[in-house]
Amino acid sequence: MEELIERWRDAARAAGAADPAAVARAGARLLAGWREPHRHYHTVAHLRAVLDVVDAYAGQARRPELVRLAAWYHDAVYDPRAGGDANERASAELAGDLLAGLGLPPDAVAEVRRLVLLTAGHAVRADDPDGALLCDADLAVLAAPPEGYDRYAAAVRREYAHVPDPDFRAGRAAVLAGLLALPALYRLPEPHARWEVPARANLTRELATLRAG
């Protein structure tokens, strides 16, 4: 955990946070959320994976420090019983509250909120490299080898254990169909070249299984 905390401190300082104690409190608040017991996929492991992709392609972003902060906040609130984009809206609100409390400039806070909200639908404009980086990182798991993808899908199902199978299949199928309908799952050139084909194959395979019932 110390390695993650240090990454949080670095991102917060780079974005303009100047109070070490306040940064530490905010980091502890965030990690407590990421470690909630009802999470099976949206965990610290997912956070670390997203941060790793952001770091790998940070040179493609205009303000990578804000993309890193958005990675920390993008699933900071995660309630599987919430509907629609409620989790993303709550996560963006939390980002606004905590980052303003750290003394970040209002434009930086607004940008982190905007980036977090993009992860509700992963629809990114062509002129938005920072949004592309965050969304590519968030969706990187979709391009895992089939066995890794299946572990991801099973973990998501455990998060929705309260949902009966027919309802889960219908809801999950709608999510997958929405992703497949995107013009591109990955927008940055290298992630697109590496991940687009295996991700679409995984999504298509799971969707077929869900529809078969």
Protein backbone atom coordinates (compact mmCIF):
# COMPACT_ATOMS: atom_id res chain seq x y z
CA MET A 1 0.00 0.00 0.00
CA GLU A 2 2.87 2.39 0.66
CA GLU A 3 3.80 2.33 -3.03
CA LEU A 4 0.25 3.35 -3.94
CA ILE A 5 0.18 6.09 -1.32
CA GLU A 6 3.42 7.49 -2.73
CA ARG A 7 1.90 7.52 -6.21
CA TRP A 8 -1.10 9.41 -4.81
CA ARG A 9 1.17 11.96 -3.11
CA ASP A 10 3.17 12.48 -6.29
CA ALA A 11 0.06 13.06 -8.41
CA ALA A 12 -1.50 15.42 -5.87
CA ARG A 13 1.71 17.46 -5.51
CA ALA A 14 2.18 17.65 -9.28
CA ALA A 15 -1.36 19.05 -9.60
CA GLY A 16 -0.73 21.77 -7.01
CA ALA A 17 -1.57 20.31 -3.58
CA ALA A 18 0.72 21.86 -0.97
CA ASP A 19 -0.45 20.52 2.43
CA PRO A 20 1.14 17.11 3.09
CA ALA A 21 -1.22 16.31 5.97
CA ALA A 22 -4.30 17.06 3.88
CA VAL A 23 -2.91 15.00 1.01
CA ALA A 24 -2.34 12.07 3.37
CA ARG A 25 -5.89 12.29 4.74
CA ALA A 26 -7.38 12.37 1.27
CA GLY A 27 -5.27 9.39 0.19
CA ALA A 28 -6.38 7.38 3.22
CA ARG A 29 -10.01 8.25 2.45
CA LEU A 30 -9.60 7.08 -1.13
CA LEU A 31 -7.87 3.81 -0.28
CA ALA A 32 -10.55 2.99 2.29
CA GLY A 33 -13.12 3.21 -0.49
CA TRP A 34 -11.10 1.10 -2.92
CA ARG A 35 -10.77 -1.59 -0.24
CA GLU A 36 -14.49 -1.94 0.60
CA PRO A 37 -15.43 -5.60 1.12
CA HIS A 38 -18.22 -5.67 -1.50
CA ARG A 39 -15.71 -4.98 -4.29
CA HIS A 40 -14.37 -7.93 -6.24
CA TYR A 41 -13.16 -6.34 -9.46
CA HIS A 42 -13.26 -2.60 -8.67
CA THR A 43 -10.48 -3.02 -6.12
CA VAL A 44 -7.00 -1.69 -5.40
CA ALA A 45 -5.74 -4.11 -8.06
CA HIS A 46 -7.90 -2.36 -10.68
CA LEU A 47 -6.71 1.04 -9.46
CA ARG A 48 -3.08 -0.04 -9.76
CA ALA A 49 -3.67 -1.49 -13.24
CA VAL A 50 -5.27 1.77 -14.43
CA LEU A 51 -2.43 3.83 -12.98
CA ASP A 52 0.12 1.58 -14.68
CA VAL A 53 -1.46 2.18 -18.09
CA VAL A 54 -1.68 5.92 -17.43
CA ASP A 55 2.00 5.96 -16.51
CA ALA A 56 2.94 3.94 -19.59
CA TYR A 57 1.24 6.41 -21.97
CA ALA A 58 1.52 9.62 -19.94
CA GLY A 59 3.53 11.25 -22.72
CA GLN A 60 0.37 11.29 -24.87
CA ALA A 61 -1.59 13.42 -22.37
CA ARG A 62 -1.74 17.18 -22.01
CA ARG A 63 -1.99 17.09 -18.21
CA PRO A 64 -1.02 13.58 -17.08
CA GLU A 65 -1.05 14.57 -13.41
CA LEU A 66 -4.78 15.26 -13.69
CA VAL A 67 -5.37 11.98 -15.51
CA ARG A 68 -3.62 10.23 -12.62
CA LEU A 69 -5.88 11.98 -10.12
CA ALA A 70 -8.92 11.03 -12.19
CA ALA A 71 -7.74 7.41 -12.12
CA TRP A 72 -7.75 7.55 -8.34
CA TYR A 73 -11.29 8.95 -8.28
CA HIS A 74 -12.96 7.17 -11.19
CA ASP A 75 -14.33 4.31 -9.06
CA ALA A 76 -13.80 5.92 -5.67
CA VAL A 77 -17.53 5.48 -5.05
CA TYR A 78 -18.77 2.08 -6.15
CA ASP A 79 -22.17 0.77 -5.10
CA PRO A 80 -23.38 -2.13 -7.29
CA ARG A 81 -26.95 -1.32 -6.25
CA ALA A 82 -26.77 2.19 -7.70
CA GLY A 83 -28.31 2.70 -11.11
CA GLY A 84 -27.18 4.43 -14.27
CA ASP A 85 -24.20 6.71 -13.86
CA ALA A 86 -24.80 7.32 -10.15
CA ASN A 87 -21.41 5.93 -9.13
CA GLU A 88 -19.52 8.09 -11.62
CA ARG A 89 -21.45 11.19 -10.56
CA ALA A 90 -20.79 10.46 -6.89
CA SER A 91 -17.11 9.79 -7.61
CA ALA A 92 -16.84 13.09 -9.50
CA GLU A 93 -18.52 14.90 -6.62
CA LEU A 94 -16.08 13.35 -4.17
CA ALA A 95 -13.20 14.42 -6.39
CA GLY A 96 -14.50 17.97 -6.43
CA ASP A 97 -14.85 18.11 -2.66
CA LEU A 98 -11.51 16.53 -1.76
CA LEU A 99 -9.39 18.21 -4.42
CA ALA A 100 -10.80 21.64 -3.66
CA GLY A 101 -9.89 20.96 -0.03
CA LEU A 102 -6.32 20.26 -1.12
CA GLY A 103 -6.09 23.71 -2.69
CA LEU A 104 -6.01 22.66 -6.34
CA PRO A 105 -6.94 25.40 -8.82
CA PRO A 106 -10.61 25.37 -9.80
CA ASP A 107 -9.80 24.54 -13.43
CA ALA A 108 -7.83 21.47 -12.36
CA VAL A 109 -10.66 20.30 -10.09
CA ALA A 110 -13.18 20.77 -12.90
CA GLU A 111 -10.99 18.81 -15.31
CA VAL A 112 -10.65 15.85 -12.94
CA ARG A 113 -14.41 15.84 -12.46
CA ARG A 114 -14.91 15.88 -16.24
CA LEU A 115 -12.51 12.99 -16.73
CA VAL A 116 -14.19 10.89 -14.04
CA LEU A 117 -17.59 11.41 -15.64
CA LEU A 118 -16.25 10.19 -19.00
CA THR A 119 -15.85 6.70 -17.52
CA ALA A 120 -19.64 6.32 -17.35
CA GLY A 121 -19.87 5.71 -21.10
CA HIS A 122 -16.27 5.87 -22.35
CA ALA A 123 -17.30 8.11 -25.27
CA VAL A 124 -14.33 10.40 -25.93
CA ARG A 125 -13.91 13.19 -28.48
CA ALA A 126 -11.10 12.91 -31.00
CA ASP A 127 -9.45 16.06 -29.59
CA ASP A 128 -9.34 14.79 -25.99
CA PRO A 129 -6.10 12.86 -25.38
CA ASP A 130 -6.49 13.05 -21.60
CA GLY A 131 -9.96 11.53 -21.74
CA ALA A 132 -8.67 8.93 -24.19
CA LEU A 133 -5.85 7.98 -21.84
CA LEU A 134 -8.12 7.52 -18.82
CA CYS A 135 -10.76 5.57 -20.73
CA ASP A 136 -8.18 3.39 -22.49
CA ALA A 137 -6.65 2.59 -19.12
CA ASP A 138 -10.03 1.82 -17.56
CA LEU A 139 -10.94 -0.57 -20.39
CA ALA A 140 -7.53 -2.25 -20.69
CA VAL A 141 -8.81 -5.34 -18.88
CA LEU A 142 -11.11 -6.10 -21.80
CA ALA A 143 -8.06 -7.06 -23.88
CA ALA A 144 -6.72 -9.58 -21.35
CA PRO A 145 -6.07 -13.15 -22.48
CA PRO A 146 -9.36 -15.12 -22.40
CA GLU A 147 -8.70 -16.69 -19.00
CA GLY A 148 -7.90 -13.28 -17.50
CA TYR A 149 -10.99 -11.78 -19.08
CA ASP A 150 -13.11 -14.59 -17.66
CA ARG A 151 -11.73 -13.88 -14.17
CA TYR A 152 -12.67 -10.23 -14.61
CA ALA A 153 -16.20 -11.13 -15.75
CA ALA A 154 -16.63 -13.53 -12.83
CA ALA A 155 -15.50 -10.85 -10.38
CA VAL A 156 -18.04 -8.41 -11.80
CA ARG A 157 -20.75 -11.07 -11.37
CA ARG A 158 -19.78 -11.46 -7.70
CA GLU A 159 -20.24 -7.72 -7.22
CA TYR A 160 -23.79 -8.15 -8.52
CA ALA A 161 -24.57 -11.30 -6.54
CA HIS A 162 -27.78 -9.64 -5.34
CA VAL A 163 -29.13 -9.52 -8.92
CA PRO A 164 -31.01 -12.62 -10.22
CA ASP A 165 -29.38 -14.33 -13.18
CA PRO A 166 -31.94 -13.32 -15.85
CA ASP A 167 -31.73 -9.66 -14.83
CA PHE A 168 -27.94 -9.75 -14.62
CA ARG A 169 -27.63 -11.33 -18.05
CA ALA A 170 -29.89 -8.68 -19.59
CA GLY A 171 -28.10 -5.79 -17.89
CA ARG A 172 -24.61 -7.08 -18.57
CA ALA A 173 -25.50 -7.80 -22.20
CA ALA A 174 -26.67 -4.21 -22.60
CA VAL A 175 -23.37 -2.93 -21.21
CA LEU A 176 -21.32 -5.15 -23.52
CA ALA A 177 -23.42 -4.24 -26.55
CA GLY A 178 -22.89 -0.56 -25.74
CA LEU A 179 -19.13 -1.06 -25.62
CA LEU A 180 -19.13 -2.97 -28.89
CA ALA A 181 -21.12 -0.14 -30.49
CA LEU A 182 -18.37 2.40 -29.75
CA PRO A 183 -16.44 3.39 -32.89
CA ALA A 184 -13.28 2.34 -31.04
CA LEU A 185 -12.74 0.90 -27.59
CA TYR A 186 -9.22 2.38 -27.48
CA ARG A 187 -8.33 5.79 -28.90
CA LEU A 188 -4.59 6.18 -28.37
CA PRO A 189 -2.66 4.66 -31.30
CA GLU A 190 -0.65 1.98 -29.49
CA PRO A 191 -3.42 0.71 -27.19
CA HIS A 192 -5.76 0.64 -30.19
CA ALA A 193 -3.28 -1.39 -32.23
CA ARG A 194 -2.55 -3.79 -29.37
CA TRP A 195 -5.90 -4.19 -27.67
CA GLU A 196 -8.83 -3.46 -30.00
CA VAL A 197 -9.05 -6.88 -31.66
CA PRO A 198 -8.64 -9.08 -28.53
CA ALA A 199 -11.00 -6.86 -26.54
CA ARG A 200 -13.74 -7.09 -29.14
CA ALA A 201 -13.25 -10.84 -29.32
CA ASN A 202 -13.65 -11.15 -25.54
CA LEU A 203 -16.73 -8.93 -25.46
CA THR A 204 -18.35 -10.79 -28.36
CA ARG A 205 -17.65 -14.14 -26.71
CA GLU A 206 -19.15 -13.09 -23.36
CA LEU A 207 -22.14 -11.49 -25.06
CA ALA A 208 -22.89 -14.68 -26.97
CA THR A 209 -22.74 -16.67 -23.71
CA LEU A 210 -25.08 -14.24 -21.96
CA ARG A 211 -27.60 -14.32 -24.78
CA ALA A 212 -27.49 -18.10 -24.93
CA GLY A 213 -28.69 -18.08 -21.34
